[in-house]
Amino acid sequence: MLKITRDENYCIGCGECVVVCPQSQPGTTVPVLIEEGPGKIPLVVHIENCIQCMSCLDVCRASAIHFEGAYLVPRLVIDTRLRAEVAKIL
C-alpha cells in the first residue's frame, strides 16, 4: 500500500511539492496534495489519486518527503510550465 510521508522536522513549508504534482494542479477536483498556507506543511488528502511520478520527491530541497510501498516506475517527463513555476519559487 502506497504511503507518502513528510518529515515535519525537515519540511520548510515551501509548497514546491504541490506546485509540481500533476494531480494537484489548479482545477483538480480531487487533489493529492493541498497547501494550507505559506510556511505550513502540505497535506496528503487523496493519496489514491497519486500516479507515483515522484515529482514531489525530486523537487523537495529539504528531503522531507518519503515514499513507502511505491512501485518503481520511470519518471514522467517534467512539464516545462511546472518547471517554470518551480523556478519562480527558487
PDB file of N, CA and C in Angstrom:
ATOM      1  N   MET A   1       0.832  -1.176   0.000  1.00  0.00           N
ATOM      2  CA  MET A   1       0.000   0.000   0.000  1.00  0.00           C
ATOM      3  C   MET A   1       0.884   1.250   0.000  1.00  0.00           C
ATOM      4  N   LEU A   2       0.575   2.193  -0.878  1.00  0.00           N
ATOM      5  CA  LEU A   2       1.352   3.424  -1.008  1.00  0.00           C
ATOM      6  C   LEU A   2       1.135   4.323   0.194  1.00  0.00           C
ATOM      7  N   LYS A   3       2.228   4.881   0.677  1.00  0.00           N
ATOM      8  CA  LYS A   3       2.166   5.836   1.770  1.00  0.00           C
ATOM      9  C   LYS A   3       3.190   6.927   1.475  1.00  0.00           C
ATOM     10  N   ILE A   4       2.754   8.170   1.555  1.00  0.00           N
ATOM     11  CA  ILE A   4       3.656   9.310   1.391  1.00  0.00           C
ATOM     12  C   ILE A   4       3.724  10.016   2.733  1.00  0.00           C
ATOM     13  N   THR A   5       4.935  10.208   3.219  1.00  0.00           N
ATOM     14  CA  THR A   5       5.095  10.911   4.494  1.00  0.00           C
ATOM     15  C   THR A   5       6.035  12.092   4.305  1.00  0.00           C
ATOM     16  N   ARG A   6       5.835  13.090   5.126  1.00  0.00           N
ATOM     17  CA  ARG A   6       6.712  14.239   5.162  1.00  0.00           C
ATOM     18  C   ARG A   6       7.242  14.366   6.569  1.00  0.00           C
ATOM     19  N   ASP A   7       8.531  14.497   6.682  1.00  0.00           N
ATOM     20  CA  ASP A   7       9.145  14.654   7.991  1.00  0.00           C
ATOM     21  C   ASP A   7       8.953  16.106   8.409  1.00  0.00           C
ATOM     22  N   GLU A   8       8.107  16.307   9.404  1.00  0.00           N
ATOM     23  CA  GLU A   8       7.794  17.660   9.857  1.00  0.00           C
ATOM     24  C   GLU A   8       9.006  18.385  10.424  1.00  0.00           C
ATOM     25  N   ASN A   9      10.037  17.625  10.816  1.00  0.00           N
ATOM     26  CA  ASN A   9      11.252  18.249  11.326  1.00  0.00           C
ATOM     27  C   ASN A   9      12.101  18.842  10.206  1.00  0.00           C
ATOM     28  N   TYR A  10      11.886  18.375   8.968  1.00  0.00           N
ATOM     29  CA  TYR A  10      12.666  18.850   7.836  1.00  0.00           C
ATOM     30  C   TYR A  10      11.876  19.750   6.890  1.00  0.00           C
ATOM     31  N   CYS A  11      10.571  19.508   6.754  1.00  0.00           N
ATOM     32  CA  CYS A  11       9.744  20.268   5.809  1.00  0.00           C
ATOM     33  C   CYS A  11       9.784  21.752   6.170  1.00  0.00           C
ATOM     34  N   ILE A  12      10.057  22.585   5.155  1.00  0.00           N
ATOM     35  CA  ILE A  12      10.115  24.031   5.380  1.00  0.00           C
ATOM     36  C   ILE A  12       8.839  24.729   4.920  1.00  0.00           C
ATOM     37  N   GLY A  13       7.864  23.961   4.454  1.00  0.00           N
ATOM     38  CA  GLY A  13       6.570  24.524   4.063  1.00  0.00           C
ATOM     39  C   GLY A  13       6.624  25.406   2.835  1.00  0.00           C
ATOM     40  N   CYS A  14       7.539  25.108   1.907  1.00  0.00           N
ATOM     41  CA  CYS A  14       7.684  25.941   0.710  1.00  0.00           C
ATOM     42  C   CYS A  14       6.567  25.704  -0.301  1.00  0.00           C
ATOM     43  N   GLY A  15       5.941  24.525  -0.277  1.00  0.00           N
ATOM     44  CA  GLY A  15       4.842  24.212  -1.182  1.00  0.00           C
ATOM     45  C   GLY A  15       5.260  23.794  -2.579  1.00  0.00           C
ATOM     46  N   GLU A  16       6.558  23.608  -2.809  1.00  0.00           N
ATOM     47  CA  GLU A  16       7.024  23.215  -4.140  1.00  0.00           C
ATOM     48  C   GLU A  16       6.456  21.862  -4.560  1.00  0.00           C
ATOM     49  N   CYS A  17       6.239  20.974  -3.604  1.00  0.00           N
ATOM     50  CA  CYS A  17       5.694  19.655  -3.928  1.00  0.00           C
ATOM     51  C   CYS A  17       4.287  19.779  -4.508  1.00  0.00           C
ATOM     52  N   VAL A  18       3.521  20.733  -4.007  1.00  0.00           N
ATOM     53  CA  VAL A  18       2.161  20.948  -4.522  1.00  0.00           C
ATOM     54  C   VAL A  18       2.223  21.526  -5.933  1.00  0.00           C
ATOM     55  N   VAL A  19       3.172  22.428  -6.168  1.00  0.00           N
ATOM     56  CA  VAL A  19       3.310  23.067  -7.479  1.00  0.00           C
ATOM     57  C   VAL A  19       3.636  22.055  -8.568  1.00  0.00           C
ATOM     58  N   VAL A  20       4.501  21.077  -8.264  1.00  0.00           N
ATOM     59  CA  VAL A  20       4.919  20.129  -9.301  1.00  0.00           C
ATOM     60  C   VAL A  20       4.022  18.906  -9.424  1.00  0.00           C
ATOM     61  N   CYS A  21       3.156  18.673  -8.467  1.00  0.00           N
ATOM     62  CA  CYS A  21       2.303  17.485  -8.510  1.00  0.00           C
ATOM     63  C   CYS A  21       1.268  17.616  -9.621  1.00  0.00           C
ATOM     64  N   PRO A  22       1.329  16.741 -10.638  1.00  0.00           N
ATOM     65  CA  PRO A  22       0.364  16.842 -11.733  1.00  0.00           C
ATOM     66  C   PRO A  22      -1.065  16.533 -11.294  1.00  0.00           C
ATOM     67  N   GLN A  23      -1.215  15.876 -10.167  1.00  0.00           N
ATOM     68  CA  GLN A  23      -2.544  15.535  -9.668  1.00  0.00           C
ATOM     69  C   GLN A  23      -3.074  16.562  -8.661  1.00  0.00           C
ATOM     70  N   SER A  24      -2.357  17.673  -8.483  1.00  0.00           N
ATOM     71  CA  SER A  24      -2.781  18.697  -7.523  1.00  0.00           C
ATOM     72  C   SER A  24      -2.820  20.085  -8.155  1.00  0.00           C
ATOM     73  N   GLN A  25      -2.906  20.136  -9.460  1.00  0.00           N
ATOM     74  CA  GLN A  25      -2.909  21.415 -10.168  1.00  0.00           C
ATOM     75  C   GLN A  25      -4.240  22.147  -9.975  1.00  0.00           C
ATOM     76  N   PRO A  26      -4.244  23.475 -10.140  1.00  0.00           N
ATOM     77  CA  PRO A  26      -5.487  24.239 -10.011  1.00  0.00           C
ATOM     78  C   PRO A  26      -6.573  23.639 -10.909  1.00  0.00           C
ATOM     79  N   GLY A  27      -7.748  23.524 -10.374  1.00  0.00           N
ATOM     80  CA  GLY A  27      -8.853  22.959 -11.128  1.00  0.00           C
ATOM     81  C   GLY A  27      -9.028  21.467 -10.903  1.00  0.00           C
ATOM     82  N   THR A  28      -8.057  20.829 -10.241  1.00  0.00           N
ATOM     83  CA  THR A  28      -8.178  19.405  -9.938  1.00  0.00           C
ATOM     84  C   THR A  28      -9.240  19.245  -8.858  1.00  0.00           C
ATOM     85  N   THR A  29     -10.236  18.433  -9.123  1.00  0.00           N
ATOM     86  CA  THR A  29     -11.330  18.295  -8.164  1.00  0.00           C
ATOM     87  C   THR A  29     -10.971  17.432  -6.962  1.00  0.00           C
ATOM     88  N   VAL A  30     -10.051  16.473  -7.148  1.00  0.00           N
ATOM     89  CA  VAL A  30      -9.652  15.593  -6.052  1.00  0.00           C
ATOM     90  C   VAL A  30      -8.122  15.575  -5.985  1.00  0.00           C
ATOM     91  N   PRO A  31      -7.497  16.636  -5.437  1.00  0.00           N
ATOM     92  CA  PRO A  31      -6.040  16.732  -5.439  1.00  0.00           C
ATOM     93  C   PRO A  31      -5.381  15.755  -4.467  1.00  0.00           C
ATOM     94  N   VAL A  32      -4.158  15.374  -4.802  1.00  0.00           N
ATOM     95  CA  VAL A  32      -3.374  14.528  -3.910  1.00  0.00           C
ATOM     96  C   VAL A  32      -2.860  15.373  -2.755  1.00  0.00           C
ATOM     97  N   LEU A  33      -2.314  16.539  -3.072  1.00  0.00           N
ATOM     98  CA  LEU A  33      -1.740  17.433  -2.063  1.00  0.00           C
ATOM     99  C   LEU A  33      -2.491  18.756  -2.026  1.00  0.00           C
ATOM    100  N   ILE A  34      -2.607  19.325  -0.842  1.00  0.00           N
ATOM    101  CA  ILE A  34      -3.130  20.687  -0.727  1.00  0.00           C
ATOM    102  C   ILE A  34      -2.204  21.477   0.186  1.00  0.00           C
ATOM    103  N   GLU A  35      -2.131  22.754  -0.080  1.00  0.00           N
ATOM    104  CA  GLU A  35      -1.312  23.647   0.726  1.00  0.00           C
ATOM    105  C   GLU A  35      -2.250  24.520   1.541  1.00  0.00           C
ATOM    106  N   GLU A  36      -2.083  24.498   2.854  1.00  0.00           N
ATOM    107  CA  GLU A  36      -2.970  25.256   3.731  1.00  0.00           C
ATOM    108  C   GLU A  36      -2.534  26.699   3.920  1.00  0.00           C
ATOM    109  N   GLY A  37      -1.353  27.033   3.468  1.00  0.00           N
ATOM    110  CA  GLY A  37      -0.882  28.407   3.582  1.00  0.00           C
ATOM    111  C   GLY A  37       0.624  28.458   3.638  1.00  0.00           C
ATOM    112  N   PRO A  38       1.196  29.655   3.439  1.00  0.00           N
ATOM    113  CA  PRO A  38       2.653  29.814   3.450  1.00  0.00           C
ATOM    114  C   PRO A  38       3.271  29.321   4.765  1.00  0.00           C
ATOM    115  N   GLY A  39       4.297  28.518   4.626  1.00  0.00           N
ATOM    116  CA  GLY A  39       5.011  28.020   5.793  1.00  0.00           C
ATOM    117  C   GLY A  39       4.365  26.833   6.476  1.00  0.00           C
ATOM    118  N   LYS A  40       3.194  26.396   5.989  1.00  0.00           N
ATOM    119  CA  LYS A  40       2.532  25.230   6.579  1.00  0.00           C
ATOM    120  C   LYS A  40       2.847  23.994   5.758  1.00  0.00           C
ATOM    121  N   ILE A  41       2.899  22.866   6.419  1.00  0.00           N
ATOM    122  CA  ILE A  41       3.221  21.607   5.762  1.00  0.00           C
ATOM    123  C   ILE A  41       2.057  21.176   4.885  1.00  0.00           C
ATOM    124  N   PRO A  42       2.297  20.931   3.583  1.00  0.00           N
ATOM    125  CA  PRO A  42       1.232  20.458   2.700  1.00  0.00           C
ATOM    126  C   PRO A  42       0.649  19.136   3.202  1.00  0.00           C
ATOM    127  N   LEU A  43      -0.620  18.954   2.961  1.00  0.00           N
ATOM    128  CA  LEU A  43      -1.310  17.752   3.405  1.00  0.00           C
ATOM    129  C   LEU A  43      -1.564  16.815   2.238  1.00  0.00           C
ATOM    130  N   VAL A  44      -1.402  15.511   2.476  1.00  0.00           N
ATOM    131  CA  VAL A  44      -1.788  14.491   1.503  1.00  0.00           C
ATOM    132  C   VAL A  44      -3.252  14.191   1.796  1.00  0.00           C
ATOM    133  N   VAL A  45      -4.142  14.543   0.853  1.00  0.00           N
ATOM    134  CA  VAL A  45      -5.570  14.369   1.112  1.00  0.00           C
ATOM    135  C   VAL A  45      -6.204  13.236   0.315  1.00  0.00           C
ATOM    136  N   HIS A  46      -5.720  12.975  -0.882  1.00  0.00           N
ATOM    137  CA  HIS A  46      -6.292  11.904  -1.703  1.00  0.00           C
ATOM    138  C   HIS A  46      -5.166  11.075  -2.317  1.00  0.00           C
ATOM    139  N   ILE A  47      -4.493  10.306  -1.479  1.00  0.00           N
ATOM    140  CA  ILE A  47      -3.354   9.514  -1.924  1.00  0.00           C
ATOM    141  C   ILE A  47      -3.739   8.517  -3.016  1.00  0.00           C
ATOM    142  N   GLU A  48      -5.009   8.133  -3.068  1.00  0.00           N
ATOM    143  CA  GLU A  48      -5.454   7.174  -4.086  1.00  0.00           C
ATOM    144  C   GLU A  48      -5.323   7.739  -5.497  1.00  0.00           C
ATOM    145  N   ASN A  49      -5.190   9.051  -5.638  1.00  0.00           N
ATOM    146  CA  ASN A  49      -5.022   9.669  -6.952  1.00  0.00           C
ATOM    147  C   ASN A  49      -3.556   9.881  -7.334  1.00  0.00           C
ATOM    148  N   CYS A  50      -2.645   9.512  -6.458  1.00  0.00           N
ATOM    149  CA  CYS A  50      -1.213   9.653  -6.737  1.00  0.00           C
ATOM    150  C   CYS A  50      -0.822   8.703  -7.874  1.00  0.00           C
ATOM    151  N   ILE A  51      -0.132   9.235  -8.880  1.00  0.00           N
ATOM    152  CA  ILE A  51       0.318   8.416 -10.005  1.00  0.00           C
ATOM    153  C   ILE A  51       1.772   7.963  -9.826  1.00  0.00           C
ATOM    154  N   GLN A  52       2.345   8.240  -8.674  1.00  0.00           N
ATOM    155  CA  GLN A  52       3.694   7.826  -8.297  1.00  0.00           C
ATOM    156  C   GLN A  52       4.763   8.327  -9.262  1.00  0.00           C
ATOM    157  N   CYS A  53       4.589   9.545  -9.757  1.00  0.00           N
ATOM    158  CA  CYS A  53       5.620  10.131 -10.620  1.00  0.00           C
ATOM    159  C   CYS A  53       6.823  10.581  -9.802  1.00  0.00           C
ATOM    160  N   MET A  54       6.607  10.771  -8.526  1.00  0.00           N
ATOM    161  CA  MET A  54       7.623  11.160  -7.550  1.00  0.00           C
ATOM    162  C   MET A  54       8.250  12.521  -7.844  1.00  0.00           C
ATOM    163  N   SER A  55       7.516  13.367  -8.555  1.00  0.00           N
ATOM    164  CA  SER A  55       7.990  14.723  -8.809  1.00  0.00           C
ATOM    165  C   SER A  55       8.175  15.478  -7.503  1.00  0.00           C
ATOM    166  N   CYS A  56       7.279  15.243  -6.547  1.00  0.00           N
ATOM    167  CA  CYS A  56       7.383  15.914  -5.248  1.00  0.00           C
ATOM    168  C   CYS A  56       8.679  15.519  -4.543  1.00  0.00           C
ATOM    169  N   LEU A  57       9.031  14.265  -4.634  1.00  0.00           N
ATOM    170  CA  LEU A  57      10.265  13.764  -4.041  1.00  0.00           C
ATOM    171  C   LEU A  57      11.479  14.406  -4.702  1.00  0.00           C
ATOM    172  N   ASP A  58      11.439  14.503  -6.035  1.00  0.00           N
ATOM    173  CA  ASP A  58      12.552  15.078  -6.783  1.00  0.00           C
ATOM    174  C   ASP A  58      12.777  16.550  -6.461  1.00  0.00           C
ATOM    175  N   VAL A  59      11.692  17.303  -6.248  1.00  0.00           N
ATOM    176  CA  VAL A  59      11.806  18.744  -6.076  1.00  0.00           C
ATOM    177  C   VAL A  59      12.030  19.161  -4.619  1.00  0.00           C
ATOM    178  N   CYS A  60      11.802  18.270  -3.682  1.00  0.00           N
ATOM    179  CA  CYS A  60      11.903  18.624  -2.260  1.00  0.00           C
ATOM    180  C   CYS A  60      13.351  18.892  -1.867  1.00  0.00           C
ATOM    181  N   ARG A  61      13.660  20.156  -1.681  1.00  0.00           N
ATOM    182  CA  ARG A  61      15.045  20.524  -1.346  1.00  0.00           C
ATOM    183  C   ARG A  61      15.392  20.215   0.104  1.00  0.00           C
ATOM    184  N   ALA A  62      14.380  19.972   0.929  1.00  0.00           N
ATOM    185  CA  ALA A  62      14.619  19.648   2.334  1.00  0.00           C
ATOM    186  C   ALA A  62      14.701  18.136   2.571  1.00  0.00           C
ATOM    187  N   SER A  63      14.491  17.348   1.525  1.00  0.00           N
ATOM    188  CA  SER A  63      14.469  15.881   1.629  1.00  0.00           C
ATOM    189  C   SER A  63      13.502  15.418   2.715  1.00  0.00           C
ATOM    190  N   ALA A  64      12.339  16.059   2.743  1.00  0.00           N
ATOM    191  CA  ALA A  64      11.348  15.771   3.777  1.00  0.00           C
ATOM    192  C   ALA A  64      10.295  14.765   3.331  1.00  0.00           C
ATOM    193  N   ILE A  65      10.261  14.418   2.036  1.00  0.00           N
ATOM    194  CA  ILE A  65       9.226  13.529   1.514  1.00  0.00           C
ATOM    195  C   ILE A  65       9.768  12.118   1.355  1.00  0.00           C
ATOM    196  N   HIS A  66       8.960  11.158   1.793  1.00  0.00           N
ATOM    197  CA  HIS A  66       9.350   9.750   1.700  1.00  0.00           C
ATOM    198  C   HIS A  66       8.186   8.937   1.151  1.00  0.00           C
ATOM    199  N   PHE A  67       8.499   8.030   0.243  1.00  0.00           N
ATOM    200  CA  PHE A  67       7.507   7.114  -0.319  1.00  0.00           C
ATOM    201  C   PHE A  67       7.724   5.738   0.283  1.00  0.00           C
ATOM    202  N   GLU A  68       6.644   5.109   0.678  1.00  0.00           N
ATOM    203  CA  GLU A  68       6.691   3.723   1.146  1.00  0.00           C
ATOM    204  C   GLU A  68       5.680   2.926   0.332  1.00  0.00           C
ATOM    205  N   GLY A  69       6.069   1.758  -0.126  1.00  0.00           N
ATOM    206  CA  GLY A  69       5.165   0.898  -0.876  1.00  0.00           C
ATOM    207  C   GLY A  69       4.916   1.375  -2.295  1.00  0.00           C
ATOM    208  N   ALA A  70       5.796   2.214  -2.822  1.00  0.00           N
ATOM    209  CA  ALA A  70       5.630   2.743  -4.179  1.00  0.00           C
ATOM    210  C   ALA A  70       6.195   1.752  -5.188  1.00  0.00           C
ATOM    211  N   TYR A  71       5.566   1.691  -6.327  1.00  0.00           N
ATOM    212  CA  TYR A  71       6.101   0.918  -7.432  1.00  0.00           C
ATOM    213  C   TYR A  71       7.133   1.774  -8.133  1.00  0.00           C
ATOM    214  N   LEU A  72       8.267   1.209  -8.444  1.00  0.00           N
ATOM    215  CA  LEU A  72       9.280   1.976  -9.150  1.00  0.00           C
ATOM    216  C   LEU A  72       8.896   2.042 -10.624  1.00  0.00           C
ATOM    217  N   VAL A  73       8.621   3.243 -11.085  1.00  0.00           N
ATOM    218  CA  VAL A  73       8.246   3.468 -12.473  1.00  0.00           C
ATOM    219  C   VAL A  73       9.168   4.534 -13.041  1.00  0.00           C
ATOM    220  N   PRO A  74       9.363   4.535 -14.363  1.00  0.00           N
ATOM    221  CA  PRO A  74      10.186   5.588 -14.953  1.00  0.00           C
ATOM    222  C   PRO A  74       9.573   6.955 -14.671  1.00  0.00           C
ATOM    223  N   ARG A  75      10.416   7.934 -14.400  1.00  0.00           N
ATOM    224  CA  ARG A  75       9.928   9.271 -14.122  1.00  0.00           C
ATOM    225  C   ARG A  75       9.211   9.820 -15.352  1.00  0.00           C
ATOM    226  N   LEU A  76       8.178  10.598 -15.122  1.00  0.00           N
ATOM    227  CA  LEU A  76       7.481  11.258 -16.217  1.00  0.00           C
ATOM    228  C   LEU A  76       8.320  12.421 -16.713  1.00  0.00           C
ATOM    229  N   VAL A  77       8.109  12.818 -17.938  1.00  0.00           N
ATOM    230  CA  VAL A  77       8.791  13.993 -18.463  1.00  0.00           C
ATOM    231  C   VAL A  77       8.260  15.197 -17.703  1.00  0.00           C
ATOM    232  N   ILE A  78       9.147  16.007 -17.184  1.00  0.00           N
ATOM    233  CA  ILE A  78       8.724  17.161 -16.398  1.00  0.00           C
ATOM    234  C   ILE A  78       8.110  18.209 -17.319  1.00  0.00           C
ATOM    235  N   ASP A  79       6.933  18.619 -16.988  1.00  0.00           N
ATOM    236  CA  ASP A  79       6.203  19.646 -17.734  1.00  0.00           C
ATOM    237  C   ASP A  79       6.976  20.957 -17.651  1.00  0.00           C
ATOM    238  N   THR A  80       7.236  21.600 -18.788  1.00  0.00           N
ATOM    239  CA  THR A  80       8.020  22.835 -18.798  1.00  0.00           C
ATOM    240  C   THR A  80       7.307  23.965 -18.060  1.00  0.00           C
ATOM    241  N   ARG A  81       5.971  23.968 -18.091  1.00  0.00           N
ATOM    242  CA  ARG A  81       5.223  25.001 -17.366  1.00  0.00           C
ATOM    243  C   ARG A  81       5.422  24.835 -15.861  1.00  0.00           C
ATOM    244  N   LEU A  82       5.383  23.582 -15.394  1.00  0.00           N
ATOM    245  CA  LEU A  82       5.589  23.330 -13.977  1.00  0.00           C
ATOM    246  C   LEU A  82       7.020  23.675 -13.569  1.00  0.00           C
ATOM    247  N   ARG A  83       7.975  23.360 -14.436  1.00  0.00           N
ATOM    248  CA  ARG A  83       9.369  23.686 -14.139  1.00  0.00           C
ATOM    249  C   ARG A  83       9.532  25.203 -13.995  1.00  0.00           C
ATOM    250  N   ALA A  84       8.854  25.980 -14.841  1.00  0.00           N
ATOM    251  CA  ALA A  84       8.919  27.437 -14.763  1.00  0.00           C
ATOM    252  C   ALA A  84       8.316  27.940 -13.456  1.00  0.00           C
ATOM    253  N   GLU A  85       7.219  27.319 -12.999  1.00  0.00           N
ATOM    254  CA  GLU A  85       6.582  27.707 -11.738  1.00  0.00           C
ATOM    255  C   GLU A  85       7.529  27.455 -10.564  1.00  0.00           C
ATOM    256  N   VAL A  86       8.205  26.311 -10.575  1.00  0.00           N
ATOM    257  CA  VAL A  86       9.137  25.993  -9.511  1.00  0.00           C
ATOM    258  C   VAL A  86      10.329  26.960  -9.553  1.00  0.00           C
ATOM    259  N   ALA A  87      10.779  27.318 -10.740  1.00  0.00           N
ATOM    260  CA  ALA A  87      11.906  28.249 -10.873  1.00  0.00           C
ATOM    261  C   ALA A  87      11.574  29.597 -10.232  1.00  0.00           C
ATOM    262  N   LYS A  88      10.308  30.017 -10.303  1.00  0.00           N
ATOM    263  CA  LYS A  88       9.900  31.275  -9.663  1.00  0.00           C
ATOM    264  C   LYS A  88      10.062  31.204  -8.155  1.00  0.00           C
ATOM    265  N   ILE A  89       9.788  30.032  -7.582  1.00  0.00           N
ATOM    266  CA  ILE A  89       9.880  29.852  -6.138  1.00  0.00           C
ATOM    267  C   ILE A  89      11.322  29.843  -5.688  1.00  0.00           C
ATOM    268  N   LEU A  90      12.164  29.146  -6.471  1.00  0.00           N
ATOM    269  CA  LEU A  90      13.577  29.034  -6.103  1.00  0.00           C
ATOM    270  C   LEU A  90      14.249  30.362  -6.280  1.00  0.00           C
TER     271      LEU A  90
END
